[in-house]
Structure formats: structure tokens, C-alpha cells
Amino acid sequence: MEQELAGKVAFVTGASSGLGAHFARLLASRGAKVGIAARRQERLSDLVAEITAAGGTAHAVSLDVTDIAAIDPAIDAVEQALGPVDILINNSGVTVPNALHRITESEYDQVLDTNLKGAFFVAQSVAKRLMARKGEGRIVNISSTLAHRVIGQLSIYCMSKIAMDQMTKAMALEWARHGININALCPGYIETEMNADYWQTDAGKAFLSRFPRPRVGVPADLDGMLMVLAGPSGRFINGSIVSVDDGFAVGFK
């Protein structure tokens, strides 16, 4: 397999499971040294062992992105172990299903502090390092198809992701002159270990019947676009909001 990221260092947040873990494996398989961060340190240790066994290089750091003061030390630790970060996959995210009239302040803060505030300050930290060393870089903010199609009970999550899309455009505008490309990848519904059982239930099947095609994706369906946005072939892509959702945002009934 082509090692188009050889010599690069990538930092992936929310890497203990799901898409974050998948992205870390993918980047490592393409030659990048990968720093992985999340709150669940034991899951990260297993992922480091897996990547190492496959011939890659990875280093784990514990990080809750809502702890803004912890962001710089976490990236410092990755850079000390692997070298300067070139690529950020800004993947940490949470949702709290609830009706808008029942959302509590703590639930609101949990979603916005993780999906928007934490993501902003992780990107800022990486960008400042790239600027200081005058290095080209890639930042991929992991948004969602639900930035563009509101679903009941997930409205706060939807709000956080459309704000992330605007954040992406603002960063692209201000940081382009520094050689940094910032784009947002908006996955559709992807089957992971956290939601696999749901799609086999009657409720899951009924929800799928409203999709343009009644199916969910798998993490590998995102690989091609992630590699374009994170790799050398994306040099002329900046400020883009890219949906990989099988038409969900335009065709959900």
C-alpha cells in the first residue's frame, strides 16, 4: 500500500474507539506516525499495541478536550515522542439525546464544550505550532451530516456540528497564508461497535427505511476522502465541507 504519509506525524483525538480508532489505524498504515488521544487510556494502550504489531508507530496520551489547559501538554507529549505534528484529525465528539425543552445546562455544555470549544482549542494549538515552524499542515475537523439535516432529540448535536462547519471556514480563511489547509469531513451514519446492534432492531430498520438507500456505511467508506483531505493530494482543497453520507442530507424522508 502506498505510504503517502511517510515522514508525517498525525494527531487523532477521540481515538479510543469508533471512527477515531479507525482513522488512527488508517493513517499509520499509510506511513504516518500517529499520536492518539482520548479519555480512556486503557483502550489507547490496546490501539498502540495493534498499530505497532502491524508495523506502524503510535504514541498514546490521555486527553479530555474539555480540559483546555490539558491540550498543549498532551500535544507536547506527542511531539516529544514522535516529532512535530503535521496532521490533525479533530475527531472528539459526544451527543446527549434529549428534546430541546428538556435539555439541561450541563447537557448543553457537555456537547458544545466537546464538539466545538474543545475542537477549536485543539486546532488552535496545532495551528500555532505549524505557524511557529513555518510548516505546511492539514487539519480535518470531523463534523457530521447532521450539520445539514436536523434530527429530533439530537438538535444540540446538530447545532454543534453546523457551528464546526463555520469554524472550519473561518480557520481556512485566516490560516491559509500560513500553509495550513483546514476542511471538514461530514460522515453519514456509519456502523461502529457502539451502534451496530441498533440497526438490527425494529426502530433501527424503520429509521433506515427513510434513507435514500436503506443502508449504513462502514468506517472504510470514509478512507478515500480522509486521505485526500489529510494527504498531499489535498493541497488545493481548503475551507471545504465535504459530505460522505450516501446522500442522507439531501434525501432523508
C-alpha atoms as a PDB file:
ATOM      1  CA  MET A   1       0.000   0.000   0.000  1.00  0.00           C
ATOM      2  CA  GLU A   2       1.232   3.479  -0.864  1.00  0.00           C
ATOM      3  CA  GLN A   3       2.958   5.236   2.038  1.00  0.00           C
ATOM      4  CA  GLU A   4       1.932   8.761   1.045  1.00  0.00           C
ATOM      5  CA  LEU A   5       2.179   9.978   4.643  1.00  0.00           C
ATOM      6  CA  ALA A   6       5.691   8.677   5.311  1.00  0.00           C
ATOM      7  CA  GLY A   7       7.598  11.198   7.412  1.00  0.00           C
ATOM      8  CA  LYS A   8       4.420  12.852   8.700  1.00  0.00           C
ATOM      9  CA  VAL A   9       3.096  12.966  12.253  1.00  0.00           C
ATOM     10  CA  ALA A  10      -0.670  12.862  12.791  1.00  0.00           C
ATOM     11  CA  PHE A  11      -2.645  13.598  15.946  1.00  0.00           C
ATOM     12  CA  VAL A  12      -6.083  11.999  16.336  1.00  0.00           C
ATOM     13  CA  THR A  13      -8.487  12.964  19.117  1.00  0.00           C
ATOM     14  CA  GLY A  14     -11.306  10.729  20.308  1.00  0.00           C
ATOM     15  CA  ALA A  15      -9.196   7.759  19.229  1.00  0.00           C
ATOM     16  CA  SER A  16     -10.197   5.167  21.831  1.00  0.00           C
ATOM     17  CA  SER A  17     -12.949   3.638  19.689  1.00  0.00           C
ATOM     18  CA  GLY A  18     -15.117   4.017  16.612  1.00  0.00           C
ATOM     19  CA  LEU A  19     -14.055   6.355  13.838  1.00  0.00           C
ATOM     20  CA  GLY A  20     -11.159   7.837  15.798  1.00  0.00           C
ATOM     21  CA  ALA A  21      -9.521   4.429  16.259  1.00  0.00           C
ATOM     22  CA  HIS A  22     -10.196   3.593  12.609  1.00  0.00           C
ATOM     23  CA  PHE A  23      -8.628   6.845  11.416  1.00  0.00           C
ATOM     24  CA  ALA A  24      -5.543   6.196  13.557  1.00  0.00           C
ATOM     25  CA  ARG A  25      -5.094   2.744  12.022  1.00  0.00           C
ATOM     26  CA  LEU A  26      -5.582   4.153   8.530  1.00  0.00           C
ATOM     27  CA  LEU A  27      -3.043   6.964   8.932  1.00  0.00           C
ATOM     28  CA  ALA A  28      -0.494   4.583  10.430  1.00  0.00           C
ATOM     29  CA  SER A  29      -0.984   2.150   7.542  1.00  0.00           C
ATOM     30  CA  ARG A  30      -0.179   4.993   5.130  1.00  0.00           C
ATOM     31  CA  GLY A  31       3.114   5.751   6.828  1.00  0.00           C
ATOM     32  CA  ALA A  32       2.314   8.434   9.403  1.00  0.00           C
ATOM     33  CA  LYS A  33       3.480   8.279  12.988  1.00  0.00           C
ATOM     34  CA  VAL A  34       0.255   8.657  14.944  1.00  0.00           C
ATOM     35  CA  GLY A  35      -0.419  10.337  18.268  1.00  0.00           C
ATOM     36  CA  ILE A  36      -3.714   9.130  19.674  1.00  0.00           C
ATOM     37  CA  ALA A  37      -5.678  10.868  22.404  1.00  0.00           C
ATOM     38  CA  ALA A  38      -8.828  10.136  24.389  1.00  0.00           C
ATOM     39  CA  ARG A  39     -10.053   9.844  27.949  1.00  0.00           C
ATOM     40  CA  ARG A  40      -9.948   6.024  28.074  1.00  0.00           C
ATOM     41  CA  GLN A  41      -6.246   5.308  28.410  1.00  0.00           C
ATOM     42  CA  GLU A  42      -6.612   1.518  28.526  1.00  0.00           C
ATOM     43  CA  ARG A  43      -8.286   1.474  25.096  1.00  0.00           C
ATOM     44  CA  LEU A  44      -5.491   3.643  23.726  1.00  0.00           C
ATOM     45  CA  SER A  45      -2.842   1.229  25.006  1.00  0.00           C
ATOM     46  CA  ASP A  46      -4.525  -1.603  23.115  1.00  0.00           C
ATOM     47  CA  LEU A  47      -4.627   0.502  19.947  1.00  0.00           C
ATOM     48  CA  VAL A  48      -0.932   1.390  20.222  1.00  0.00           C
ATOM     49  CA  ALA A  49      -0.125  -2.309  20.537  1.00  0.00           C
ATOM     50  CA  GLU A  50      -2.281  -3.106  17.499  1.00  0.00           C
ATOM     51  CA  ILE A  51      -0.691  -0.415  15.326  1.00  0.00           C
ATOM     52  CA  THR A  52       2.802  -1.420  16.432  1.00  0.00           C
ATOM     53  CA  ALA A  53       2.123  -5.098  15.679  1.00  0.00           C
ATOM     54  CA  ALA A  54       1.060  -4.077  12.168  1.00  0.00           C
ATOM     55  CA  GLY A  55       4.374  -2.294  11.610  1.00  0.00           C
ATOM     56  CA  GLY A  56       3.270   1.248  12.421  1.00  0.00           C
ATOM     57  CA  THR A  57       4.268   3.790  15.036  1.00  0.00           C
ATOM     58  CA  ALA A  58       1.886   5.239  17.627  1.00  0.00           C
ATOM     59  CA  HIS A  59       2.004   7.053  20.937  1.00  0.00           C
ATOM     60  CA  ALA A  60      -0.940   7.479  23.316  1.00  0.00           C
ATOM     61  CA  VAL A  61      -1.803  10.414  25.556  1.00  0.00           C
ATOM     62  CA  SER A  62      -4.740  10.852  27.883  1.00  0.00           C
ATOM     63  CA  LEU A  63      -6.826  13.899  26.970  1.00  0.00           C
ATOM     64  CA  ASP A  64     -10.282  15.237  27.716  1.00  0.00           C
ATOM     65  CA  VAL A  65     -10.632  18.071  25.196  1.00  0.00           C
ATOM     66  CA  THR A  66     -12.994  19.938  27.516  1.00  0.00           C
ATOM     67  CA  ASP A  67      -9.988  20.462  29.799  1.00  0.00           C
ATOM     68  CA  ILE A  68      -8.491  23.273  27.741  1.00  0.00           C
ATOM     69  CA  ALA A  69      -5.408  23.559  29.953  1.00  0.00           C
ATOM     70  CA  ALA A  70      -4.545  19.910  29.184  1.00  0.00           C
ATOM     71  CA  ILE A  71      -4.450  20.309  25.402  1.00  0.00           C
ATOM     72  CA  ASP A  72      -0.994  21.858  24.996  1.00  0.00           C
ATOM     73  CA  PRO A  73       0.716  19.372  27.362  1.00  0.00           C
ATOM     74  CA  ALA A  74      -0.888  16.446  25.521  1.00  0.00           C
ATOM     75  CA  ILE A  75       0.351  17.667  22.140  1.00  0.00           C
ATOM     76  CA  ASP A  76       3.746  18.453  23.682  1.00  0.00           C
ATOM     77  CA  ALA A  77       3.993  14.814  24.779  1.00  0.00           C
ATOM     78  CA  VAL A  78       3.121  13.550  21.296  1.00  0.00           C
ATOM     79  CA  GLU A  79       5.670  15.854  19.686  1.00  0.00           C
ATOM     80  CA  GLN A  80       8.373  14.796  22.137  1.00  0.00           C
ATOM     81  CA  ALA A  81       7.700  11.152  21.289  1.00  0.00           C
ATOM     82  CA  LEU A  82       7.081  11.360  17.536  1.00  0.00           C
ATOM     83  CA  GLY A  83       8.121  14.792  16.251  1.00  0.00           C
ATOM     84  CA  PRO A  84       6.182  17.901  15.191  1.00  0.00           C
ATOM     85  CA  VAL A  85       2.530  17.360  14.305  1.00  0.00           C
ATOM     86  CA  ASP A  86       1.692  17.870  10.605  1.00  0.00           C
ATOM     87  CA  ILE A  87      -1.859  16.499  10.517  1.00  0.00           C
ATOM     88  CA  LEU A  88      -4.740  16.868  12.969  1.00  0.00           C
ATOM     89  CA  ILE A  89      -7.835  14.693  12.819  1.00  0.00           C
ATOM     90  CA  ASN A  90     -10.131  16.647  15.140  1.00  0.00           C
ATOM     91  CA  ASN A  91     -12.492  13.814  15.958  1.00  0.00           C
ATOM     92  CA  SER A  92     -13.636  14.103  19.605  1.00  0.00           C
ATOM     93  CA  GLY A  93     -17.390  14.363  19.837  1.00  0.00           C
ATOM     94  CA  VAL A  94     -20.365  13.479  22.008  1.00  0.00           C
ATOM     95  CA  THR A  95     -24.115  13.655  21.830  1.00  0.00           C
ATOM     96  CA  VAL A  96     -26.810  13.717  24.516  1.00  0.00           C
ATOM     97  CA  PRO A  97     -30.165  12.664  23.039  1.00  0.00           C
ATOM     98  CA  ASN A  98     -32.938  14.773  24.513  1.00  0.00           C
ATOM     99  CA  ALA A  99     -35.776  17.056  23.495  1.00  0.00           C
ATOM    100  CA  LEU A 100     -34.835  20.727  23.362  1.00  0.00           C
ATOM    101  CA  HIS A 101     -37.294  21.720  26.087  1.00  0.00           C
ATOM    102  CA  ARG A 102     -35.708  19.156  28.420  1.00  0.00           C
ATOM    103  CA  ILE A 103     -32.022  19.860  27.749  1.00  0.00           C
ATOM    104  CA  THR A 104     -30.210  20.857  30.919  1.00  0.00           C
ATOM    105  CA  GLU A 105     -27.372  23.338  31.131  1.00  0.00           C
ATOM    106  CA  SER A 106     -24.914  20.547  31.931  1.00  0.00           C
ATOM    107  CA  GLU A 107     -26.034  18.526  28.890  1.00  0.00           C
ATOM    108  CA  TYR A 108     -25.758  21.597  26.661  1.00  0.00           C
ATOM    109  CA  ASP A 109     -22.292  22.362  27.982  1.00  0.00           C
ATOM    110  CA  GLN A 110     -21.131  18.762  27.607  1.00  0.00           C
ATOM    111  CA  VAL A 111     -21.961  18.739  23.892  1.00  0.00           C
ATOM    112  CA  LEU A 112     -20.786  22.248  22.991  1.00  0.00           C
ATOM    113  CA  ASP A 113     -17.656  22.105  25.146  1.00  0.00           C
ATOM    114  CA  THR A 114     -16.564  18.863  23.489  1.00  0.00           C
ATOM    115  CA  ASN A 115     -17.735  19.257  19.902  1.00  0.00           C
ATOM    116  CA  LEU A 116     -16.971  22.941  19.427  1.00  0.00           C
ATOM    117  CA  LYS A 117     -14.912  24.563  22.178  1.00  0.00           C
ATOM    118  CA  GLY A 118     -12.562  21.620  22.674  1.00  0.00           C
ATOM    119  CA  ALA A 119     -12.209  21.112  18.926  1.00  0.00           C
ATOM    120  CA  PHE A 120     -11.397  24.791  18.465  1.00  0.00           C
ATOM    121  CA  PHE A 121      -8.614  24.860  21.014  1.00  0.00           C
ATOM    122  CA  VAL A 122      -7.058  21.603  19.784  1.00  0.00           C
ATOM    123  CA  ALA A 123      -6.966  23.056  16.261  1.00  0.00           C
ATOM    124  CA  GLN A 124      -5.597  26.342  17.556  1.00  0.00           C
ATOM    125  CA  SER A 125      -2.780  24.580  19.400  1.00  0.00           C
ATOM    126  CA  VAL A 126      -1.741  22.586  16.329  1.00  0.00           C
ATOM    127  CA  ALA A 127      -2.027  25.639  14.063  1.00  0.00           C
ATOM    128  CA  LYS A 128       0.153  27.789  16.318  1.00  0.00           C
ATOM    129  CA  ARG A 129       2.865  25.128  16.250  1.00  0.00           C
ATOM    130  CA  LEU A 130       2.706  24.909  12.460  1.00  0.00           C
ATOM    131  CA  MET A 131       2.917  28.700  12.183  1.00  0.00           C
ATOM    132  CA  ALA A 132       5.907  28.852  14.527  1.00  0.00           C
ATOM    133  CA  ARG A 133       7.912  26.419  12.450  1.00  0.00           C
ATOM    134  CA  LYS A 134       6.500  27.666   9.098  1.00  0.00           C
ATOM    135  CA  GLY A 135       5.399  24.172   8.194  1.00  0.00           C
ATOM    136  CA  GLU A 136       2.569  23.093   5.932  1.00  0.00           C
ATOM    137  CA  GLY A 137      -0.205  21.231   7.678  1.00  0.00           C
ATOM    138  CA  ARG A 138      -3.607  19.639   7.374  1.00  0.00           C
ATOM    139  CA  ILE A 139      -6.489  19.907   9.823  1.00  0.00           C
ATOM    140  CA  VAL A 140      -9.546  17.747   9.253  1.00  0.00           C
ATOM    141  CA  ASN A 141     -12.468  18.604  11.521  1.00  0.00           C
ATOM    142  CA  ILE A 142     -14.832  15.643  11.816  1.00  0.00           C
ATOM    143  CA  SER A 143     -18.277  17.177  11.502  1.00  0.00           C
ATOM    144  CA  SER A 144     -21.453  15.279  10.593  1.00  0.00           C
ATOM    145  CA  THR A 145     -24.184  15.001   8.006  1.00  0.00           C
ATOM    146  CA  LEU A 146     -26.414  16.193  10.860  1.00  0.00           C
ATOM    147  CA  ALA A 147     -24.870  19.635  10.472  1.00  0.00           C
ATOM    148  CA  HIS A 148     -27.080  19.847   7.397  1.00  0.00           C
ATOM    149  CA  ARG A 149     -30.170  17.885   8.417  1.00  0.00           C
ATOM    150  CA  VAL A 150     -31.725  18.324  11.850  1.00  0.00           C
ATOM    151  CA  ILE A 151     -32.959  15.192  13.603  1.00  0.00           C
ATOM    152  CA  GLY A 152     -35.276  15.388  16.606  1.00  0.00           C
ATOM    153  CA  GLN A 153     -33.717  14.635  20.010  1.00  0.00           C
ATOM    154  CA  LEU A 154     -30.251  15.412  18.565  1.00  0.00           C
ATOM    155  CA  SER A 155     -30.711  19.126  17.991  1.00  0.00           C
ATOM    156  CA  ILE A 156     -27.886  20.279  20.283  1.00  0.00           C
ATOM    157  CA  TYR A 157     -25.502  17.917  18.488  1.00  0.00           C
ATOM    158  CA  CYS A 158     -26.715  19.266  15.131  1.00  0.00           C
ATOM    159  CA  MET A 159     -26.134  22.822  16.346  1.00  0.00           C
ATOM    160  CA  SER A 160     -22.588  21.994  17.436  1.00  0.00           C
ATOM    161  CA  LYS A 161     -21.721  20.477  14.066  1.00  0.00           C
ATOM    162  CA  ILE A 162     -23.035  23.305  11.891  1.00  0.00           C
ATOM    163  CA  ALA A 163     -21.011  25.626  14.110  1.00  0.00           C
ATOM    164  CA  MET A 164     -17.969  23.408  13.483  1.00  0.00           C
ATOM    165  CA  ASP A 165     -18.504  23.821   9.740  1.00  0.00           C
ATOM    166  CA  GLN A 166     -18.436  27.607  10.091  1.00  0.00           C
ATOM    167  CA  MET A 167     -15.397  27.315  12.364  1.00  0.00           C
ATOM    168  CA  THR A 168     -13.685  25.320   9.619  1.00  0.00           C
ATOM    169  CA  LYS A 169     -14.307  28.040   7.047  1.00  0.00           C
ATOM    170  CA  ALA A 170     -13.068  30.757   9.412  1.00  0.00           C
ATOM    171  CA  MET A 171      -9.885  28.828  10.140  1.00  0.00           C
ATOM    172  CA  ALA A 172      -9.308  28.198   6.436  1.00  0.00           C
ATOM    173  CA  LEU A 173      -9.651  31.906   5.703  1.00  0.00           C
ATOM    174  CA  GLU A 174      -7.251  33.049   8.426  1.00  0.00           C
ATOM    175  CA  TRP A 175      -4.672  30.267   8.291  1.00  0.00           C
ATOM    176  CA  ALA A 176      -4.309  29.650   4.552  1.00  0.00           C
ATOM    177  CA  ARG A 177      -1.453  32.163   4.342  1.00  0.00           C
ATOM    178  CA  HIS A 178       0.433  30.037   6.860  1.00  0.00           C
ATOM    179  CA  GLY A 179       0.307  26.929   4.672  1.00  0.00           C
ATOM    180  CA  ILE A 180      -2.406  25.179   6.656  1.00  0.00           C
ATOM    181  CA  ASN A 181      -5.372  23.530   4.930  1.00  0.00           C
ATOM    182  CA  ILE A 182      -8.495  23.113   7.076  1.00  0.00           C
ATOM    183  CA  ASN A 183     -11.512  21.157   5.893  1.00  0.00           C
ATOM    184  CA  ALA A 184     -14.492  19.416   7.476  1.00  0.00           C
ATOM    185  CA  LEU A 185     -15.447  15.822   6.775  1.00  0.00           C
ATOM    186  CA  CYS A 186     -19.144  15.149   7.388  1.00  0.00           C
ATOM    187  CA  PRO A 187     -19.814  11.408   7.727  1.00  0.00           C
ATOM    188  CA  GLY A 188     -23.263   9.976   7.402  1.00  0.00           C
ATOM    189  CA  TYR A 189     -24.469   7.136   9.579  1.00  0.00           C
ATOM    190  CA  ILE A 190     -21.574   4.708   9.993  1.00  0.00           C
ATOM    191  CA  GLU A 191     -21.813   1.354  11.743  1.00  0.00           C
ATOM    192  CA  THR A 192     -19.413   1.053  14.674  1.00  0.00           C
ATOM    193  CA  GLU A 193     -19.242  -1.146  17.751  1.00  0.00           C
ATOM    194  CA  MET A 194     -21.319   1.435  19.612  1.00  0.00           C
ATOM    195  CA  ASN A 195     -24.348   1.358  17.308  1.00  0.00           C
ATOM    196  CA  ALA A 196     -24.164  -1.990  15.464  1.00  0.00           C
ATOM    197  CA  ASP A 197     -26.949  -3.613  17.498  1.00  0.00           C
ATOM    198  CA  TYR A 198     -29.336  -0.701  16.903  1.00  0.00           C
ATOM    199  CA  TRP A 199     -29.501  -1.274  13.147  1.00  0.00           C
ATOM    200  CA  GLN A 200     -30.872  -4.779  13.744  1.00  0.00           C
ATOM    201  CA  THR A 201     -33.795  -3.548  15.866  1.00  0.00           C
ATOM    202  CA  ASP A 202     -37.229  -2.661  14.535  1.00  0.00           C
ATOM    203  CA  ALA A 203     -36.577   1.000  15.337  1.00  0.00           C
ATOM    204  CA  GLY A 204     -33.251   0.897  13.501  1.00  0.00           C
ATOM    205  CA  LYS A 205     -34.787  -0.758  10.450  1.00  0.00           C
ATOM    206  CA  ALA A 206     -37.617   1.784  10.414  1.00  0.00           C
ATOM    207  CA  PHE A 207     -35.099   4.631  10.564  1.00  0.00           C
ATOM    208  CA  LEU A 208     -33.078   3.090   7.721  1.00  0.00           C
ATOM    209  CA  SER A 209     -36.196   2.884   5.556  1.00  0.00           C
ATOM    210  CA  ARG A 210     -36.204   6.701   5.434  1.00  0.00           C
ATOM    211  CA  PHE A 211     -32.688   6.902   3.945  1.00  0.00           C
ATOM    212  CA  PRO A 212     -32.223   7.424   0.181  1.00  0.00           C
ATOM    213  CA  ARG A 213     -30.739   3.917   0.251  1.00  0.00           C
ATOM    214  CA  PRO A 214     -31.657   1.818   3.294  1.00  0.00           C
ATOM    215  CA  ARG A 215     -28.133   1.135   4.470  1.00  0.00           C
ATOM    216  CA  VAL A 216     -25.443   2.453   6.775  1.00  0.00           C
ATOM    217  CA  GLY A 217     -21.811   2.888   5.915  1.00  0.00           C
ATOM    218  CA  VAL A 218     -18.742   1.232   7.361  1.00  0.00           C
ATOM    219  CA  PRO A 219     -15.676   3.153   8.565  1.00  0.00           C
ATOM    220  CA  ALA A 220     -13.701   2.223   5.439  1.00  0.00           C
ATOM    221  CA  ASP A 221     -16.216   4.203   3.354  1.00  0.00           C
ATOM    222  CA  LEU A 222     -14.566   7.344   4.744  1.00  0.00           C
ATOM    223  CA  ASP A 223     -10.993   6.313   3.948  1.00  0.00           C
ATOM    224  CA  GLY A 224     -10.700   7.795   0.484  1.00  0.00           C
ATOM    225  CA  MET A 225     -11.904  11.255   1.429  1.00  0.00           C
ATOM    226  CA  LEU A 226      -9.982  11.357   4.687  1.00  0.00           C
ATOM    227  CA  MET A 227      -6.773  10.553   2.839  1.00  0.00           C
ATOM    228  CA  VAL A 228      -7.465  13.259   0.252  1.00  0.00           C
ATOM    229  CA  LEU A 229      -8.037  15.879   2.951  1.00  0.00           C
ATOM    230  CA  ALA A 230      -5.124  14.760   5.144  1.00  0.00           C
ATOM    231  CA  GLY A 231      -2.622  13.936   2.432  1.00  0.00           C
ATOM    232  CA  PRO A 232      -0.631  15.577  -0.373  1.00  0.00           C
ATOM    233  CA  SER A 233      -3.392  15.246  -2.962  1.00  0.00           C
ATOM    234  CA  GLY A 234      -5.484  17.752  -0.983  1.00  0.00           C
ATOM    235  CA  ARG A 235      -3.069  20.664  -1.408  1.00  0.00           C
ATOM    236  CA  PHE A 236      -5.685  22.753  -3.285  1.00  0.00           C
ATOM    237  CA  ILE A 237      -8.635  21.888  -1.027  1.00  0.00           C
ATOM    238  CA  ASN A 238      -9.191  24.411   1.748  1.00  0.00           C
ATOM    239  CA  GLY A 239     -12.300  25.543   3.581  1.00  0.00           C
ATOM    240  CA  SER A 240     -14.419  22.747   2.128  1.00  0.00           C
ATOM    241  CA  ILE A 241     -17.275  20.997   3.903  1.00  0.00           C
ATOM    242  CA  VAL A 242     -17.323  17.506   2.427  1.00  0.00           C
ATOM    243  CA  SER A 243     -20.234  15.119   2.983  1.00  0.00           C
ATOM    244  CA  VAL A 244     -19.665  11.375   2.776  1.00  0.00           C
ATOM    245  CA  ASP A 245     -23.159  10.250   3.686  1.00  0.00           C
ATOM    246  CA  ASP A 246     -24.631   8.284   0.762  1.00  0.00           C
ATOM    247  CA  GLY A 247     -26.988  11.190   0.053  1.00  0.00           C
ATOM    248  CA  PHE A 248     -28.529  11.278   3.543  1.00  0.00           C
ATOM    249  CA  ALA A 249     -28.507  15.078   3.902  1.00  0.00           C
ATOM    250  CA  VAL A 250     -30.284  15.628   0.589  1.00  0.00           C
ATOM    251  CA  GLY A 251     -32.629  12.655   0.647  1.00  0.00           C
ATOM    252  CA  PHE A 252     -33.708  11.760   4.200  1.00  0.00           C
ATOM    253  CA  LYS A 253     -37.506  11.440   4.341  1.00  0.00           C
END
